[in-house]
Amino acid sequence: MTFFRSLIMAFSMYSSIPMPNTEWNEKNMRYILAAFPAVGCFLSLALSAWCLIAKTLQFGGGVFSAGSIVLTVIITGGIHLDGFCDTADALGSHASPERKREILKDSHAGAFAVIGAVSLIVCAYALLAETYSGSVFPAQLAVIPVLGRAVSGTAGLLFPAYREGTLHSFSESSEKRTSLLILGAWIVFCGGILIVLNSLRGICMLAAAGACMAAVYRVSLKQFKGMNGDLAGFLLCITETSMLFAYLIAEKIAML
């Protein structure tokens, strides 16, 4: 029952999907990060359904890409993109870690946030358009939202957290050992699917996810002196985009 409440809270926090009212307390938050990838499962189903509709109506790759990005923002409420923008703003400031953390808290979007968001969306748009040539939404791409959230949740529990903020509260309230085991199971399951479907693509995508995780670990310690929710959102965004890029690179290599 506690995990079910944490699941409801994960959807309430990380999506715009209406959920039953649940009391926000330490007990109910115990597995919220472990349940995070379940939001990715819903998003994967929605994207697969959208691809089926786009194929049936014979839409072009541009319409599919735009619809996928908008659908993702609608379902997630833009919470992860917001974290990406805040982080891009802070990193672009080249200020001290203390000043960077202040920028993360600022609700205003600076120039680097806009530049970063536009760059991310353009990359996602182009990469998604490239994947649209197949007859169905590739199963390996459907894994990306799930694996990305498993990676982000694992980082939220494992990386040294800054001593304030939502992520710190979730991390402190979590049953860490059990949550990490659940997140590890998500990662192994997703990784297994990727490799079984196509070993080259799967290995490239997993390597991309690992590289993003390592990069954000270094950035969180060196630039911010600790992990927080905005950095977790930043990690999710770059992990999903990098895995998509790795998928296409592996596809092109296989065609040589």
Protein backbone atom coordinates (compact mmCIF):
# COMPACT_ATOMS: atom_id res chain seq x y z
CA MET A 1 0.00 0.00 0.00
CA THR A 2 2.89 2.37 0.78
CA PHE A 3 4.41 1.75 -2.64
CA PHE A 4 1.03 2.39 -4.26
CA ARG A 5 0.80 5.75 -2.49
CA SER A 6 4.36 6.55 -3.60
CA LEU A 7 3.33 5.63 -7.14
CA ILE A 8 0.42 8.07 -6.97
CA MET A 9 2.74 10.75 -5.64
CA ALA A 10 5.27 10.08 -8.42
CA PHE A 11 2.58 10.64 -11.05
CA SER A 12 1.32 13.71 -9.17
CA MET A 13 4.80 15.19 -8.95
CA TYR A 14 6.27 14.24 -12.32
CA SER A 15 3.24 14.33 -14.61
CA SER A 16 0.08 16.34 -15.22
CA ILE A 17 -2.12 13.23 -15.06
CA PRO A 18 -4.92 13.66 -12.48
CA MET A 19 -4.33 11.46 -9.45
CA PRO A 20 -6.28 10.75 -6.23
CA ASN A 21 -5.44 12.97 -3.28
CA THR A 22 -2.68 11.49 -1.16
CA GLU A 23 -1.17 12.85 2.02
CA TRP A 24 2.36 14.10 1.43
CA ASN A 25 4.35 12.67 4.33
CA GLU A 26 7.63 10.83 4.79
CA LYS A 27 5.98 7.40 4.81
CA ASN A 28 4.19 7.95 1.51
CA MET A 29 7.30 9.45 -0.09
CA ARG A 30 9.38 6.40 0.78
CA TYR A 31 9.38 4.93 -2.74
CA ILE A 32 8.56 7.95 -4.88
CA LEU A 33 11.87 7.86 -6.78
CA ALA A 34 11.61 4.09 -7.22
CA ALA A 35 8.18 4.60 -8.82
CA PHE A 36 9.46 7.39 -11.09
CA PRO A 37 10.09 5.08 -14.13
CA ALA A 38 6.40 4.10 -14.10
CA VAL A 39 5.67 7.62 -15.38
CA GLY A 40 7.99 6.80 -18.26
CA CYS A 41 5.94 3.66 -19.02
CA PHE A 42 2.82 5.79 -19.44
CA LEU A 43 4.69 8.25 -21.64
CA SER A 44 6.05 5.41 -23.79
CA LEU A 45 2.53 4.08 -24.34
CA ALA A 46 1.30 7.55 -25.27
CA LEU A 47 4.15 8.09 -27.76
CA SER A 48 3.61 4.65 -29.30
CA ALA A 49 -0.10 5.42 -29.71
CA TRP A 50 0.74 8.78 -31.30
CA CYS A 51 3.12 7.08 -33.75
CA LEU A 52 0.36 4.63 -34.72
CA ILE A 53 -2.04 7.51 -35.32
CA ALA A 54 0.57 9.44 -37.32
CA LYS A 55 1.32 6.40 -39.48
CA THR A 56 -2.37 5.68 -40.04
CA LEU A 57 -3.05 9.26 -41.12
CA GLN A 58 0.19 9.32 -43.12
CA PHE A 59 1.66 12.34 -41.37
CA GLY A 60 5.21 13.36 -42.21
CA GLY A 61 8.21 13.16 -39.91
CA GLY A 62 7.92 16.84 -38.97
CA VAL A 63 4.36 16.47 -37.69
CA PHE A 64 5.32 13.31 -35.79
CA SER A 65 8.31 15.02 -34.17
CA ALA A 66 6.37 18.13 -33.19
CA GLY A 67 3.51 16.04 -31.82
CA SER A 68 5.89 13.85 -29.81
CA ILE A 69 7.58 16.85 -28.20
CA VAL A 70 4.30 18.59 -27.40
CA LEU A 71 2.78 15.36 -26.07
CA THR A 72 5.79 14.86 -23.79
CA VAL A 73 5.50 18.40 -22.43
CA ILE A 74 1.75 17.99 -21.85
CA ILE A 75 2.09 14.68 -20.01
CA THR A 76 5.07 15.74 -17.89
CA GLY A 77 3.82 19.27 -17.32
CA GLY A 78 7.24 20.47 -18.51
CA ILE A 79 8.76 19.84 -15.08
CA HIS A 80 11.95 18.24 -16.42
CA LEU A 81 12.37 20.84 -19.16
CA ASP A 82 12.07 23.50 -16.46
CA GLY A 83 14.93 21.86 -14.57
CA PHE A 84 16.97 21.72 -17.76
CA CYS A 85 16.40 25.44 -18.39
CA ASP A 86 17.33 26.41 -14.83
CA THR A 87 20.50 24.33 -15.02
CA ALA A 88 21.46 25.75 -18.43
CA ASP A 89 21.02 29.25 -17.01
CA ALA A 90 23.19 28.47 -14.00
CA LEU A 91 25.94 26.80 -16.02
CA GLY A 92 25.96 29.64 -18.53
CA SER A 93 26.55 32.18 -15.77
CA HIS A 94 30.07 30.81 -15.01
CA ALA A 95 29.48 32.05 -11.47
CA SER A 96 30.42 30.52 -8.13
CA PRO A 97 28.56 27.40 -6.92
CA GLU A 98 26.65 29.55 -4.43
CA ARG A 99 25.51 31.93 -7.17
CA LYS A 100 24.63 29.01 -9.45
CA ARG A 101 22.33 27.59 -6.77
CA GLU A 102 20.66 30.99 -6.46
CA ILE A 103 20.06 31.01 -10.22
CA LEU A 104 18.45 27.56 -9.96
CA LYS A 105 15.90 29.02 -7.56
CA ASP A 106 15.14 32.03 -9.77
CA SER A 107 11.78 31.62 -11.51
CA HIS A 108 12.81 33.93 -14.37
CA ALA A 109 14.23 32.46 -17.59
CA GLY A 110 17.54 33.91 -18.64
CA ALA A 111 19.21 33.94 -22.05
CA PHE A 112 21.04 30.66 -21.50
CA ALA A 113 17.80 28.93 -20.51
CA VAL A 114 16.18 29.99 -23.78
CA ILE A 115 19.25 29.05 -25.82
CA GLY A 116 19.51 25.69 -24.09
CA ALA A 117 15.81 24.87 -24.44
CA VAL A 118 15.72 25.82 -28.13
CA SER A 119 18.85 23.75 -28.82
CA LEU A 120 17.44 20.74 -26.96
CA ILE A 121 14.08 20.91 -28.74
CA VAL A 122 15.69 21.35 -32.18
CA CYS A 123 17.89 18.30 -31.56
CA ALA A 124 14.95 16.22 -30.32
CA TYR A 125 12.84 17.33 -33.29
CA ALA A 126 15.49 16.35 -35.84
CA LEU A 127 16.32 13.04 -34.15
CA LEU A 128 12.67 11.99 -33.84
CA ALA A 129 12.06 12.84 -37.49
CA GLU A 130 14.90 10.49 -38.44
CA THR A 131 13.29 7.59 -36.55
CA TYR A 132 9.93 8.01 -38.27
CA SER A 133 10.90 6.13 -41.44
CA GLY A 134 10.09 2.72 -39.93
CA SER A 135 6.67 1.09 -40.02
CA VAL A 136 6.16 1.27 -36.24
CA PHE A 137 7.53 3.18 -33.27
CA PRO A 138 10.75 1.23 -32.55
CA ALA A 139 10.55 -0.74 -29.32
CA GLN A 140 14.01 0.45 -28.32
CA LEU A 141 12.86 4.07 -28.48
CA ALA A 142 9.85 3.23 -26.32
CA VAL A 143 12.31 2.16 -23.61
CA ILE A 144 14.01 5.58 -23.51
CA PRO A 145 11.46 7.43 -21.26
CA VAL A 146 11.54 4.54 -18.77
CA LEU A 147 15.31 4.11 -18.67
CA GLY A 148 15.87 7.87 -18.54
CA ARG A 149 13.73 8.13 -15.41
CA ALA A 150 15.41 5.12 -13.84
CA VAL A 151 18.79 6.79 -14.38
CA SER A 152 17.54 10.12 -13.02
CA GLY A 153 15.99 8.47 -9.96
CA THR A 154 19.15 6.50 -9.26
CA ALA A 155 21.24 9.66 -9.47
CA GLY A 156 18.84 11.38 -7.08
CA LEU A 157 19.49 8.68 -4.48
CA LEU A 158 23.17 7.96 -5.09
CA PHE A 159 24.69 11.36 -5.84
CA PRO A 160 25.52 13.62 -2.88
CA ALA A 161 22.45 15.85 -2.57
CA TYR A 162 22.44 19.53 -1.76
CA ARG A 163 20.97 19.96 1.70
CA GLU A 164 17.71 21.62 0.66
CA GLY A 165 15.02 21.29 -1.98
CA THR A 166 12.48 18.72 -3.13
CA LEU A 167 15.01 16.10 -4.21
CA HIS A 168 16.73 16.32 -0.83
CA SER A 169 13.35 15.71 0.88
CA PHE A 170 12.62 12.72 -1.36
CA SER A 171 16.10 11.30 -0.83
CA GLU A 172 15.95 11.73 2.95
CA SER A 173 12.48 10.14 3.14
CA SER A 174 13.31 7.23 0.82
CA GLU A 175 13.90 3.66 1.81
CA LYS A 176 17.17 3.91 -0.08
CA ARG A 177 18.25 0.28 -0.19
CA THR A 178 14.90 -0.99 -1.47
CA SER A 179 14.46 1.98 -3.81
CA LEU A 180 17.90 1.45 -5.35
CA LEU A 181 17.14 -2.25 -5.83
CA ILE A 182 13.88 -1.37 -7.61
CA LEU A 183 15.59 1.26 -9.77
CA GLY A 184 18.39 -1.20 -10.51
CA ALA A 185 15.76 -3.72 -11.63
CA TRP A 186 14.25 -1.07 -13.92
CA ILE A 187 17.68 -0.40 -15.46
CA VAL A 188 18.51 -4.10 -15.90
CA PHE A 189 15.09 -4.77 -17.43
CA CYS A 190 15.34 -1.85 -19.85
CA GLY A 191 18.96 -2.63 -20.69
CA GLY A 192 18.05 -6.26 -21.35
CA ILE A 193 15.30 -5.23 -23.76
CA LEU A 194 17.65 -2.88 -25.61
CA ILE A 195 20.36 -5.50 -26.05
CA VAL A 196 18.01 -8.36 -26.95
CA LEU A 197 16.30 -6.28 -29.64
CA ASN A 198 19.58 -5.11 -31.16
CA SER A 199 22.89 -5.54 -29.38
CA LEU A 200 24.77 -2.73 -31.16
CA ARG A 201 22.02 -0.16 -30.69
CA GLY A 202 21.41 -1.32 -27.14
CA ILE A 203 25.05 -1.06 -26.10
CA CYS A 204 25.36 2.39 -27.70
CA MET A 205 22.24 3.63 -25.95
CA LEU A 206 23.32 2.27 -22.57
CA ALA A 207 26.77 3.79 -23.04
CA ALA A 208 25.15 7.17 -23.79
CA ALA A 209 23.04 6.94 -20.63
CA GLY A 210 26.08 6.02 -18.55
CA ALA A 211 28.11 8.89 -20.01
CA CYS A 212 25.35 11.40 -19.18
CA MET A 213 25.12 10.08 -15.63
CA ALA A 214 28.88 10.38 -15.16
CA ALA A 215 28.93 13.89 -16.64
CA VAL A 216 26.13 15.16 -14.40
CA TYR A 217 27.77 13.59 -11.34
CA ARG A 218 30.90 15.61 -12.07
CA VAL A 219 28.93 18.79 -12.79
CA SER A 220 26.78 18.45 -9.67
CA LEU A 221 29.81 18.24 -7.40
CA LYS A 222 32.11 20.70 -9.16
CA GLN A 223 29.61 23.34 -10.24
CA PHE A 224 26.84 23.08 -7.61
CA LYS A 225 28.34 21.24 -4.64
CA GLY A 226 25.49 18.74 -4.65
CA MET A 227 22.62 17.22 -6.62
CA ASN A 228 19.13 18.73 -6.67
CA GLY A 229 15.83 18.43 -8.53
CA ASP A 230 16.78 20.78 -11.35
CA LEU A 231 19.94 18.80 -12.06
CA ALA A 232 17.89 15.58 -12.02
CA GLY A 233 15.61 17.11 -14.67
CA PHE A 234 18.66 18.23 -16.65
CA LEU A 235 20.04 14.69 -16.46
CA LEU A 236 16.78 13.21 -17.70
CA CYS A 237 16.57 15.57 -20.67
CA ILE A 238 20.13 15.04 -21.87
CA THR A 239 19.94 11.28 -21.25
CA GLU A 240 16.83 10.86 -23.38
CA THR A 241 18.26 12.99 -26.18
CA SER A 242 21.65 11.27 -26.05
CA MET A 243 20.09 7.80 -26.16
CA LEU A 244 18.04 8.84 -29.17
CA PHE A 245 21.20 10.11 -30.87
CA ALA A 246 23.06 6.90 -29.97
CA TYR A 247 20.23 4.85 -31.48
CA LEU A 248 20.57 6.68 -34.79
CA ILE A 249 24.38 6.53 -34.80
CA ALA A 250 24.24 2.75 -34.26
CA GLU A 251 21.65 2.46 -37.03
CA LYS A 252 23.87 4.34 -39.47
CA ILE A 253 26.93 2.29 -38.50
CA ALA A 254 25.00 -0.93 -39.11
CA MET A 255 24.12 0.29 -42.60
CA LEU A 256 27.76 0.84 -43.62
